[in-house]
Amino acid sequence: MTGIKLRFWMWITSVVRRGSSSLLFLEKLIKNEFPGNMKLFAIVLLAMVGSALGGVVTFERCGGVGTLTQLRVEDCEGSTCRLNPGTPYVAEGDLIPSSASSQLHLKVTTTYFTGEVTIIDTNLDNSSVQPGQTYTIRFTIVPNDVLAGSTLPIRATISDVATARVEICAHFQVFVNFP
């Protein structure tokens, strides 16, 4: 990668446990425990929250003993995300770990020309997880215009810090638009 400095960032903003409060809200909605107008408001609110982030992105597993149930990227859905250089895109992944971990590690890479480029390689703060529960990892992607016109595979690996056991490995495609 002679002379090219790639700046394709991902920032981790949170690891969130899907708590019982959201499930309780959905349960009440399904059981018709909201009055008529409140139920309509709740359905519209859920639709807005779900669509605010973006669509479900097609991904392929590349290993790991846990389960990635869904990957969402802002303003994107389907098999290839079309991203504009310099624009931040929020991405979320829902995962179910296979075993307990006191801390998780996230590594995200891509292949540019013939070399692997590390986008992020970090331990996740406050990322203690328990098996069988669903957790959401949220991060932001900001592609650089150096990558314009390129289709790139993005590979994300989530592992246990203490044992290096890979919980999740998944990859998806992005195309970086011309500015």
C-alpha atoms as a PDB file:
ATOM      1  CA  MET A   1       0.000   0.000   0.000  1.00  0.00           C
ATOM      2  CA  THR A   2       2.726   2.353  -1.032  1.00  0.00           C
ATOM      3  CA  GLY A   3       2.082   5.970  -0.225  1.00  0.00           C
ATOM      4  CA  ILE A   4      -1.631   5.562   0.457  1.00  0.00           C
ATOM      5  CA  LYS A   5      -2.772   6.269   3.957  1.00  0.00           C
ATOM      6  CA  LEU A   6      -6.204   4.738   4.437  1.00  0.00           C
ATOM      7  CA  ARG A   7      -8.568   6.380   6.848  1.00  0.00           C
ATOM      8  CA  PHE A   8     -11.624   4.189   7.157  1.00  0.00           C
ATOM      9  CA  TRP A   9     -12.776   4.510  10.748  1.00  0.00           C
ATOM     10  CA  MET A  10     -15.117   2.645  12.998  1.00  0.00           C
ATOM     11  CA  TRP A  11     -15.946   3.890  16.441  1.00  0.00           C
ATOM     12  CA  ILE A  12     -17.606   1.765  19.058  1.00  0.00           C
ATOM     13  CA  THR A  13     -20.358   3.690  20.746  1.00  0.00           C
ATOM     14  CA  SER A  14     -22.012   1.000  22.820  1.00  0.00           C
ATOM     15  CA  VAL A  15     -22.653  -2.597  23.684  1.00  0.00           C
ATOM     16  CA  VAL A  16     -26.236  -2.860  24.895  1.00  0.00           C
ATOM     17  CA  ARG A  17     -28.059  -5.786  26.449  1.00  0.00           C
ATOM     18  CA  ARG A  18     -31.519  -6.195  25.024  1.00  0.00           C
ATOM     19  CA  GLY A  19     -33.422  -5.841  28.267  1.00  0.00           C
ATOM     20  CA  SER A  20     -36.818  -6.972  29.381  1.00  0.00           C
ATOM     21  CA  SER A  21     -38.240  -3.423  29.190  1.00  0.00           C
ATOM     22  CA  SER A  22     -38.347  -3.484  25.379  1.00  0.00           C
ATOM     23  CA  LEU A  23     -39.792  -6.996  25.457  1.00  0.00           C
ATOM     24  CA  LEU A  24     -42.405  -5.887  28.011  1.00  0.00           C
ATOM     25  CA  PHE A  25     -43.377  -2.987  25.737  1.00  0.00           C
ATOM     26  CA  LEU A  26     -43.783  -5.345  22.749  1.00  0.00           C
ATOM     27  CA  GLU A  27     -45.687  -7.868  24.863  1.00  0.00           C
ATOM     28  CA  LYS A  28     -48.148  -5.183  25.977  1.00  0.00           C
ATOM     29  CA  LEU A  29     -48.525  -4.035  22.384  1.00  0.00           C
ATOM     30  CA  ILE A  30     -49.251  -7.563  21.146  1.00  0.00           C
ATOM     31  CA  LYS A  31     -51.703  -8.301  23.972  1.00  0.00           C
ATOM     32  CA  ASN A  32     -53.682  -5.115  23.195  1.00  0.00           C
ATOM     33  CA  GLU A  33     -52.964  -3.630  26.629  1.00  0.00           C
ATOM     34  CA  PHE A  34     -52.682  -0.130  25.144  1.00  0.00           C
ATOM     35  CA  PRO A  35     -55.793   1.982  24.452  1.00  0.00           C
ATOM     36  CA  GLY A  36     -56.659   2.546  20.731  1.00  0.00           C
ATOM     37  CA  ASN A  37     -54.812   5.826  20.097  1.00  0.00           C
ATOM     38  CA  MET A  38     -51.881   4.783  22.272  1.00  0.00           C
ATOM     39  CA  LYS A  39     -51.565   1.507  20.339  1.00  0.00           C
ATOM     40  CA  LEU A  40     -51.456   3.364  17.005  1.00  0.00           C
ATOM     41  CA  PHE A  41     -48.813   5.732  18.417  1.00  0.00           C
ATOM     42  CA  ALA A  42     -46.772   2.768  19.692  1.00  0.00           C
ATOM     43  CA  ILE A  43     -46.870   1.040  16.282  1.00  0.00           C
ATOM     44  CA  VAL A  44     -45.833   4.239  14.479  1.00  0.00           C
ATOM     45  CA  LEU A  45     -43.060   4.818  17.028  1.00  0.00           C
ATOM     46  CA  LEU A  46     -41.723   1.279  16.575  1.00  0.00           C
ATOM     47  CA  ALA A  47     -41.781   1.673  12.790  1.00  0.00           C
ATOM     48  CA  MET A  48     -39.899   4.971  13.016  1.00  0.00           C
ATOM     49  CA  VAL A  49     -37.270   3.595  15.396  1.00  0.00           C
ATOM     50  CA  GLY A  50     -36.765   0.502  13.268  1.00  0.00           C
ATOM     51  CA  SER A  51     -36.428   2.447  10.028  1.00  0.00           C
ATOM     52  CA  ALA A  52     -34.326   5.278  11.475  1.00  0.00           C
ATOM     53  CA  LEU A  53     -31.250   3.113  11.578  1.00  0.00           C
ATOM     54  CA  GLY A  54     -31.598   1.518   8.194  1.00  0.00           C
ATOM     55  CA  GLY A  55     -32.093  -1.810   6.652  1.00  0.00           C
ATOM     56  CA  VAL A  56     -30.926  -5.277   7.322  1.00  0.00           C
ATOM     57  CA  VAL A  57     -27.647  -6.019   5.597  1.00  0.00           C
ATOM     58  CA  THR A  58     -26.859  -9.411   4.119  1.00  0.00           C
ATOM     59  CA  PHE A  59     -23.826 -10.973   5.776  1.00  0.00           C
ATOM     60  CA  GLU A  60     -22.035 -14.305   5.686  1.00  0.00           C
ATOM     61  CA  ARG A  61     -20.605 -16.148   8.654  1.00  0.00           C
ATOM     62  CA  CYS A  62     -16.896 -16.829   8.655  1.00  0.00           C
ATOM     63  CA  GLY A  63     -16.655 -18.691  11.943  1.00  0.00           C
ATOM     64  CA  GLY A  64     -17.265 -18.309  15.628  1.00  0.00           C
ATOM     65  CA  VAL A  65     -19.240 -20.255  18.218  1.00  0.00           C
ATOM     66  CA  GLY A  66     -21.861 -17.564  18.925  1.00  0.00           C
ATOM     67  CA  THR A  67     -24.686 -16.312  16.724  1.00  0.00           C
ATOM     68  CA  LEU A  68     -25.024 -13.026  14.861  1.00  0.00           C
ATOM     69  CA  THR A  69     -28.761 -12.688  14.330  1.00  0.00           C
ATOM     70  CA  GLN A  70     -28.885  -9.435  12.386  1.00  0.00           C
ATOM     71  CA  LEU A  71     -26.697  -6.677  10.978  1.00  0.00           C
ATOM     72  CA  ARG A  72     -28.105  -3.216  10.239  1.00  0.00           C
ATOM     73  CA  VAL A  73     -26.380  -0.258   8.582  1.00  0.00           C
ATOM     74  CA  GLU A  74     -27.831   3.248   8.334  1.00  0.00           C
ATOM     75  CA  ASP A  75     -29.214   4.072   4.861  1.00  0.00           C
ATOM     76  CA  CYS A  76     -28.373   0.605   3.594  1.00  0.00           C
ATOM     77  CA  GLU A  77     -29.975  -2.771   3.066  1.00  0.00           C
ATOM     78  CA  GLY A  78     -29.354  -5.844   0.996  1.00  0.00           C
ATOM     79  CA  SER A  79     -26.164  -7.431  -0.216  1.00  0.00           C
ATOM     80  CA  THR A  80     -23.920  -4.374  -0.800  1.00  0.00           C
ATOM     81  CA  CYS A  81     -23.910  -1.142   1.187  1.00  0.00           C
ATOM     82  CA  ARG A  82     -23.313   1.971  -0.924  1.00  0.00           C
ATOM     83  CA  LEU A  83     -21.485   4.467   1.281  1.00  0.00           C
ATOM     84  CA  ASN A  84     -20.507   8.083   0.618  1.00  0.00           C
ATOM     85  CA  PRO A  85     -16.983   9.161   1.573  1.00  0.00           C
ATOM     86  CA  GLY A  86     -16.786  11.307   4.705  1.00  0.00           C
ATOM     87  CA  THR A  87     -20.300  10.397   5.835  1.00  0.00           C
ATOM     88  CA  PRO A  88     -20.691   8.614   9.184  1.00  0.00           C
ATOM     89  CA  TYR A  89     -22.897   5.505   9.055  1.00  0.00           C
ATOM     90  CA  VAL A  90     -24.235   3.890  12.213  1.00  0.00           C
ATOM     91  CA  ALA A  91     -24.075   0.103  12.171  1.00  0.00           C
ATOM     92  CA  GLU A  92     -25.552  -2.334  14.677  1.00  0.00           C
ATOM     93  CA  GLY A  93     -25.141  -6.060  15.103  1.00  0.00           C
ATOM     94  CA  ASP A  94     -27.245  -8.292  17.338  1.00  0.00           C
ATOM     95  CA  LEU A  95     -25.321 -11.195  18.794  1.00  0.00           C
ATOM     96  CA  ILE A  96     -25.962 -14.110  21.108  1.00  0.00           C
ATOM     97  CA  PRO A  97     -22.737 -15.295  22.760  1.00  0.00           C
ATOM     98  CA  SER A  98     -22.185 -19.005  23.396  1.00  0.00           C
ATOM     99  CA  SER A  99     -20.514 -18.495  26.762  1.00  0.00           C
ATOM    100  CA  ALA A 100     -19.892 -15.862  29.405  1.00  0.00           C
ATOM    101  CA  SER A 101     -17.182 -13.278  28.873  1.00  0.00           C
ATOM    102  CA  SER A 102     -16.002 -10.473  31.124  1.00  0.00           C
ATOM    103  CA  GLN A 103     -14.799  -8.455  28.120  1.00  0.00           C
ATOM    104  CA  LEU A 104     -15.104  -8.696  24.343  1.00  0.00           C
ATOM    105  CA  HIS A 105     -12.672  -7.703  21.618  1.00  0.00           C
ATOM    106  CA  LEU A 106     -13.679  -6.334  18.195  1.00  0.00           C
ATOM    107  CA  LYS A 107     -11.493  -6.533  15.127  1.00  0.00           C
ATOM    108  CA  VAL A 108     -12.702  -5.185  11.795  1.00  0.00           C
ATOM    109  CA  THR A 109     -10.668  -5.545   8.608  1.00  0.00           C
ATOM    110  CA  THR A 110     -10.988  -5.107   4.876  1.00  0.00           C
ATOM    111  CA  THR A 111      -8.938  -6.153   1.879  1.00  0.00           C
ATOM    112  CA  TYR A 112      -7.710  -3.279  -0.284  1.00  0.00           C
ATOM    113  CA  PHE A 113      -5.800  -4.255  -3.395  1.00  0.00           C
ATOM    114  CA  THR A 114      -3.977  -7.355  -2.140  1.00  0.00           C
ATOM    115  CA  GLY A 115      -3.419  -6.458   1.503  1.00  0.00           C
ATOM    116  CA  GLU A 116      -5.487  -6.730   4.645  1.00  0.00           C
ATOM    117  CA  VAL A 117      -6.153  -3.384   6.313  1.00  0.00           C
ATOM    118  CA  THR A 118      -7.153  -3.217   9.970  1.00  0.00           C
ATOM    119  CA  ILE A 119      -9.972  -0.745  10.464  1.00  0.00           C
ATOM    120  CA  ILE A 120     -10.447  -1.280  14.182  1.00  0.00           C
ATOM    121  CA  ASP A 121      -8.790  -3.537  16.725  1.00  0.00           C
ATOM    122  CA  THR A 122      -9.957  -2.813  20.276  1.00  0.00           C
ATOM    123  CA  ASN A 123     -11.212  -4.265  23.529  1.00  0.00           C
ATOM    124  CA  LEU A 124     -14.795  -3.172  24.165  1.00  0.00           C
ATOM    125  CA  ASP A 125     -15.366  -1.362  27.448  1.00  0.00           C
ATOM    126  CA  ASN A 126     -18.248  -2.572  29.628  1.00  0.00           C
ATOM    127  CA  SER A 127     -18.821  -5.587  27.396  1.00  0.00           C
ATOM    128  CA  SER A 128     -19.459  -8.342  29.912  1.00  0.00           C
ATOM    129  CA  VAL A 129     -21.886 -10.862  28.351  1.00  0.00           C
ATOM    130  CA  GLN A 130     -23.779 -13.998  29.360  1.00  0.00           C
ATOM    131  CA  PRO A 131     -24.603 -16.948  27.094  1.00  0.00           C
ATOM    132  CA  GLY A 132     -28.009 -17.113  25.433  1.00  0.00           C
ATOM    133  CA  GLN A 133     -28.842 -13.417  25.858  1.00  0.00           C
ATOM    134  CA  THR A 134     -29.035 -11.002  22.922  1.00  0.00           C
ATOM    135  CA  TYR A 135     -26.660  -8.035  22.876  1.00  0.00           C
ATOM    136  CA  THR A 136     -26.344  -5.202  20.367  1.00  0.00           C
ATOM    137  CA  ILE A 137     -22.994  -3.777  19.347  1.00  0.00           C
ATOM    138  CA  ARG A 138     -23.196  -0.317  17.801  1.00  0.00           C
ATOM    139  CA  PHE A 139     -20.415   1.398  15.887  1.00  0.00           C
ATOM    140  CA  THR A 140     -19.930   4.087  13.255  1.00  0.00           C
ATOM    141  CA  ILE A 141     -18.293   3.697   9.842  1.00  0.00           C
ATOM    142  CA  VAL A 142     -16.768   6.679   7.998  1.00  0.00           C
ATOM    143  CA  PRO A 143     -15.186   5.777   4.620  1.00  0.00           C
ATOM    144  CA  ASN A 144     -12.439   7.905   3.086  1.00  0.00           C
ATOM    145  CA  ASP A 145     -12.609   9.188  -0.514  1.00  0.00           C
ATOM    146  CA  VAL A 146      -9.351   7.319  -1.291  1.00  0.00           C
ATOM    147  CA  LEU A 147     -11.587   4.234  -1.425  1.00  0.00           C
ATOM    148  CA  ALA A 148     -14.079   5.772  -3.911  1.00  0.00           C
ATOM    149  CA  GLY A 149     -15.132   3.351  -6.622  1.00  0.00           C
ATOM    150  CA  SER A 150     -14.047   0.301  -4.616  1.00  0.00           C
ATOM    151  CA  THR A 151     -16.120  -2.660  -3.535  1.00  0.00           C
ATOM    152  CA  LEU A 152     -14.657  -3.911  -0.289  1.00  0.00           C
ATOM    153  CA  PRO A 153     -15.315  -6.884   1.957  1.00  0.00           C
ATOM    154  CA  ILE A 154     -15.696  -5.822   5.585  1.00  0.00           C
ATOM    155  CA  ARG A 155     -14.947  -8.578   8.100  1.00  0.00           C
ATOM    156  CA  ALA A 156     -15.843  -8.241  11.774  1.00  0.00           C
ATOM    157  CA  THR A 157     -14.654 -10.625  14.466  1.00  0.00           C
ATOM    158  CA  ILE A 158     -15.826 -10.518  18.079  1.00  0.00           C
ATOM    159  CA  SER A 159     -13.839 -12.593  20.540  1.00  0.00           C
ATOM    160  CA  ASP A 160     -13.380 -13.140  24.264  1.00  0.00           C
ATOM    161  CA  VAL A 161     -10.412 -11.119  25.556  1.00  0.00           C
ATOM    162  CA  ALA A 162      -9.281 -13.703  28.127  1.00  0.00           C
ATOM    163  CA  THR A 163      -9.386 -16.814  25.920  1.00  0.00           C
ATOM    164  CA  ALA A 164      -9.290 -15.341  22.370  1.00  0.00           C
ATOM    165  CA  ARG A 165     -12.237 -17.649  21.573  1.00  0.00           C
ATOM    166  CA  VAL A 166     -14.029 -16.247  18.501  1.00  0.00           C
ATOM    167  CA  GLU A 167     -17.712 -15.719  19.272  1.00  0.00           C
ATOM    168  CA  ILE A 168     -18.709 -14.070  15.999  1.00  0.00           C
ATOM    169  CA  CYS A 169     -17.086 -13.723  12.598  1.00  0.00           C
ATOM    170  CA  ALA A 170     -19.100 -12.205   9.770  1.00  0.00           C
ATOM    171  CA  HIS A 171     -18.405 -10.306   6.580  1.00  0.00           C
ATOM    172  CA  PHE A 172     -20.423  -8.029   4.310  1.00  0.00           C
ATOM    173  CA  GLN A 173     -19.765  -5.935   1.195  1.00  0.00           C
ATOM    174  CA  VAL A 174     -19.564  -2.166   0.851  1.00  0.00           C
ATOM    175  CA  PHE A 175     -19.145   0.009  -2.225  1.00  0.00           C
ATOM    176  CA  VAL A 176     -17.663   3.456  -1.644  1.00  0.00           C
ATOM    177  CA  ASN A 177     -19.349   5.956  -3.955  1.00  0.00           C
ATOM    178  CA  PHE A 178     -17.470   8.660  -5.827  1.00  0.00           C
ATOM    179  CA  PRO A 179     -17.660  12.060  -4.071  1.00  0.00           C
END
